[in-house]
Amino acid sequence: MHDNQPRTSTPDTLPEAITRYLTAHRAHDTASAITAFTREATVIDDGNTYEGTEAIREWLDRSATEFTYTIHLTGAQQTDATRYIATHHLEGNFPGGTIDLRYQFTLRDGLIERLVIEP
């Protein structure tokens, strides 16, 4: 990006690895979701850090079964050449019942190298 300003994206303009992960995550398909990450990827969620695909796989399996929820993509931005933010609205049986979360992706070689999820 030439102007160093965030650029609004739509879900259909997000990179393939991000849409693959989001689609698989929504469907609780851990096997497909994990293919969107580099082998050395890091995920930070709820104050916990998961490094490498095995730790990420365990996190995905746990998050798929811990609570029941719906997830709706409400916005997307490209912040630079390798970074994207996808904002989601979740409703479910977790504490509080609703939350808006920012999924901050960093890509490397077309795959997710880092994902930070926070309000």
C-alpha atoms as a PDB file:
ATOM      1  CA  MET A   1       0.000   0.000   0.000  1.00  0.00           C
ATOM      2  CA  HIS A   2       1.416   3.332  -0.992  1.00  0.00           C
ATOM      3  CA  ASP A   3      -0.289   5.727   1.398  1.00  0.00           C
ATOM      4  CA  ASN A   4       0.187   3.749   4.654  1.00  0.00           C
ATOM      5  CA  GLN A   5      -3.518   4.156   5.413  1.00  0.00           C
ATOM      6  CA  PRO A   6      -5.781   1.217   6.295  1.00  0.00           C
ATOM      7  CA  ARG A   7      -7.881   0.170   3.347  1.00  0.00           C
ATOM      8  CA  THR A   8     -11.384  -1.194   3.842  1.00  0.00           C
ATOM      9  CA  SER A   9     -11.806  -4.656   2.392  1.00  0.00           C
ATOM     10  CA  THR A  10     -14.807  -6.827   1.825  1.00  0.00           C
ATOM     11  CA  PRO A  11     -14.904 -10.502   2.771  1.00  0.00           C
ATOM     12  CA  ASP A  12     -14.508 -11.502  -0.871  1.00  0.00           C
ATOM     13  CA  THR A  13     -11.291  -9.434  -1.188  1.00  0.00           C
ATOM     14  CA  LEU A  14      -9.537 -10.965   1.819  1.00  0.00           C
ATOM     15  CA  PRO A  15      -6.593 -13.232   0.950  1.00  0.00           C
ATOM     16  CA  GLU A  16      -7.435 -16.873   0.337  1.00  0.00           C
ATOM     17  CA  ALA A  17      -5.668 -18.137   3.494  1.00  0.00           C
ATOM     18  CA  ILE A  18      -7.739 -15.831   5.690  1.00  0.00           C
ATOM     19  CA  THR A  19     -11.041 -16.781   4.054  1.00  0.00           C
ATOM     20  CA  ARG A  20     -10.081 -20.474   4.227  1.00  0.00           C
ATOM     21  CA  TYR A  21      -9.352 -20.147   7.953  1.00  0.00           C
ATOM     22  CA  LEU A  22     -12.510 -18.121   8.686  1.00  0.00           C
ATOM     23  CA  THR A  23     -14.762 -20.489   6.728  1.00  0.00           C
ATOM     24  CA  ALA A  24     -13.254 -23.572   8.368  1.00  0.00           C
ATOM     25  CA  HIS A  25     -13.331 -21.973  11.837  1.00  0.00           C
ATOM     26  CA  ARG A  26     -17.012 -21.102  11.426  1.00  0.00           C
ATOM     27  CA  ALA A  27     -17.701 -24.729  10.392  1.00  0.00           C
ATOM     28  CA  HIS A  28     -15.555 -26.131  13.257  1.00  0.00           C
ATOM     29  CA  ASP A  29     -13.363 -27.830  10.617  1.00  0.00           C
ATOM     30  CA  THR A  30      -9.986 -27.910  12.360  1.00  0.00           C
ATOM     31  CA  ALA A  31      -8.306 -29.976   9.634  1.00  0.00           C
ATOM     32  CA  SER A  32      -9.047 -27.332   6.987  1.00  0.00           C
ATOM     33  CA  ALA A  33      -8.418 -24.359   9.290  1.00  0.00           C
ATOM     34  CA  ILE A  34      -4.910 -25.508  10.225  1.00  0.00           C
ATOM     35  CA  THR A  35      -3.860 -25.594   6.545  1.00  0.00           C
ATOM     36  CA  ALA A  36      -4.124 -21.784   6.436  1.00  0.00           C
ATOM     37  CA  PHE A  37      -1.208 -21.370   8.908  1.00  0.00           C
ATOM     38  CA  THR A  38       2.564 -21.539   8.483  1.00  0.00           C
ATOM     39  CA  ARG A  39       4.269 -24.309  10.481  1.00  0.00           C
ATOM     40  CA  GLU A  40       5.763 -21.704  12.850  1.00  0.00           C
ATOM     41  CA  ALA A  41       2.572 -19.646  13.199  1.00  0.00           C
ATOM     42  CA  THR A  42       1.540 -17.962  16.442  1.00  0.00           C
ATOM     43  CA  VAL A  43      -1.999 -17.368  17.699  1.00  0.00           C
ATOM     44  CA  ILE A  44      -2.746 -15.087  20.633  1.00  0.00           C
ATOM     45  CA  ASP A  45      -6.275 -15.412  22.009  1.00  0.00           C
ATOM     46  CA  ASP A  46      -7.757 -14.538  25.388  1.00  0.00           C
ATOM     47  CA  GLY A  47      -4.315 -13.796  26.845  1.00  0.00           C
ATOM     48  CA  ASN A  48      -2.854 -17.143  25.773  1.00  0.00           C
ATOM     49  CA  THR A  49      -0.185 -17.754  23.136  1.00  0.00           C
ATOM     50  CA  TYR A  50      -0.178 -20.846  20.909  1.00  0.00           C
ATOM     51  CA  GLU A  51       2.977 -21.460  18.870  1.00  0.00           C
ATOM     52  CA  GLY A  52       3.242 -23.962  16.032  1.00  0.00           C
ATOM     53  CA  THR A  53       0.569 -25.897  14.219  1.00  0.00           C
ATOM     54  CA  GLU A  54       0.122 -28.578  16.897  1.00  0.00           C
ATOM     55  CA  ALA A  55      -0.634 -25.999  19.625  1.00  0.00           C
ATOM     56  CA  ILE A  56      -2.903 -24.123  17.204  1.00  0.00           C
ATOM     57  CA  ARG A  57      -4.721 -27.368  16.329  1.00  0.00           C
ATOM     58  CA  GLU A  58      -5.372 -28.025  20.037  1.00  0.00           C
ATOM     59  CA  TRP A  59      -6.629 -24.443  20.487  1.00  0.00           C
ATOM     60  CA  LEU A  60      -8.965 -24.801  17.489  1.00  0.00           C
ATOM     61  CA  ASP A  61     -10.326 -28.139  18.743  1.00  0.00           C
ATOM     62  CA  ARG A  62     -10.936 -26.697  22.216  1.00  0.00           C
ATOM     63  CA  SER A  63     -12.554 -23.491  20.956  1.00  0.00           C
ATOM     64  CA  ALA A  64     -14.855 -25.510  18.680  1.00  0.00           C
ATOM     65  CA  THR A  65     -16.248 -27.501  21.613  1.00  0.00           C
ATOM     66  CA  GLU A  66     -15.991 -25.180  24.621  1.00  0.00           C
ATOM     67  CA  PHE A  67     -18.921 -22.899  23.684  1.00  0.00           C
ATOM     68  CA  THR A  68     -21.720 -22.745  21.163  1.00  0.00           C
ATOM     69  CA  TYR A  69     -21.813 -19.496  19.242  1.00  0.00           C
ATOM     70  CA  THR A  70     -22.551 -17.792  15.959  1.00  0.00           C
ATOM     71  CA  ILE A  71     -19.939 -15.637  14.277  1.00  0.00           C
ATOM     72  CA  HIS A  72     -20.621 -12.911  11.731  1.00  0.00           C
ATOM     73  CA  LEU A  73     -17.983 -10.934   9.842  1.00  0.00           C
ATOM     74  CA  THR A  74     -18.853  -7.246  10.244  1.00  0.00           C
ATOM     75  CA  GLY A  75     -15.837  -5.575   8.634  1.00  0.00           C
ATOM     76  CA  ALA A  76     -12.404  -6.060   7.114  1.00  0.00           C
ATOM     77  CA  GLN A  77      -9.347  -3.869   6.575  1.00  0.00           C
ATOM     78  CA  GLN A  78      -5.955  -4.245   4.975  1.00  0.00           C
ATOM     79  CA  THR A  79      -3.499  -2.280   7.119  1.00  0.00           C
ATOM     80  CA  ASP A  80      -0.385  -2.922   5.012  1.00  0.00           C
ATOM     81  CA  ALA A  81       0.946  -5.392   2.457  1.00  0.00           C
ATOM     82  CA  THR A  82       0.823  -8.375   4.842  1.00  0.00           C
ATOM     83  CA  ARG A  83      -1.604  -7.349   7.611  1.00  0.00           C
ATOM     84  CA  TYR A  84      -5.381  -7.578   7.702  1.00  0.00           C
ATOM     85  CA  ILE A  85      -8.029  -7.051  10.366  1.00  0.00           C
ATOM     86  CA  ALA A  86     -11.349  -8.911  10.242  1.00  0.00           C
ATOM     87  CA  THR A  87     -13.930  -7.768  12.785  1.00  0.00           C
ATOM     88  CA  HIS A  88     -16.494 -10.318  13.951  1.00  0.00           C
ATOM     89  CA  HIS A  89     -19.618 -10.220  16.079  1.00  0.00           C
ATOM     90  CA  LEU A  90     -20.090 -13.351  18.202  1.00  0.00           C
ATOM     91  CA  GLU A  91     -23.214 -14.418  20.097  1.00  0.00           C
ATOM     92  CA  GLY A  92     -23.392 -17.554  22.191  1.00  0.00           C
ATOM     93  CA  ASN A  93     -23.301 -19.290  25.553  1.00  0.00           C
ATOM     94  CA  PHE A  94     -19.930 -17.880  26.605  1.00  0.00           C
ATOM     95  CA  PRO A  95     -19.637 -15.392  29.517  1.00  0.00           C
ATOM     96  CA  GLY A  96     -21.306 -12.145  28.473  1.00  0.00           C
ATOM     97  CA  GLY A  97     -23.165 -13.740  25.566  1.00  0.00           C
ATOM     98  CA  THR A  98     -22.025 -11.247  22.891  1.00  0.00           C
ATOM     99  CA  ILE A  99     -18.724  -9.709  21.876  1.00  0.00           C
ATOM    100  CA  ASP A 100     -17.092  -7.974  18.942  1.00  0.00           C
ATOM    101  CA  LEU A 101     -13.588  -9.297  18.243  1.00  0.00           C
ATOM    102  CA  ARG A 102     -10.788  -8.100  15.986  1.00  0.00           C
ATOM    103  CA  TYR A 103      -8.904 -10.893  14.244  1.00  0.00           C
ATOM    104  CA  GLN A 104      -5.528  -9.370  13.304  1.00  0.00           C
ATOM    105  CA  PHE A 105      -3.753 -11.444  10.663  1.00  0.00           C
ATOM    106  CA  THR A 106      -0.151 -11.252   9.492  1.00  0.00           C
ATOM    107  CA  LEU A 107       0.643 -13.259   6.364  1.00  0.00           C
ATOM    108  CA  ARG A 108       3.875 -14.761   5.099  1.00  0.00           C
ATOM    109  CA  ASP A 109       4.164 -16.552   1.755  1.00  0.00           C
ATOM    110  CA  GLY A 110       0.382 -16.607   1.403  1.00  0.00           C
ATOM    111  CA  LEU A 111      -0.285 -18.233   4.790  1.00  0.00           C
ATOM    112  CA  ILE A 112      -1.156 -16.935   8.249  1.00  0.00           C
ATOM    113  CA  GLU A 113       2.007 -16.390  10.279  1.00  0.00           C
ATOM    114  CA  ARG A 114       0.372 -14.588  13.205  1.00  0.00           C
ATOM    115  CA  LEU A 115      -3.204 -14.185  14.430  1.00  0.00           C
ATOM    116  CA  VAL A 116      -4.099 -11.964  17.382  1.00  0.00           C
ATOM    117  CA  ILE A 117      -7.719 -12.046  18.555  1.00  0.00           C
ATOM    118  CA  GLU A 118      -8.870  -9.304  20.911  1.00  0.00           C
ATOM    119  CA  PRO A 119     -11.866  -7.064  21.643  1.00  0.00           C
END
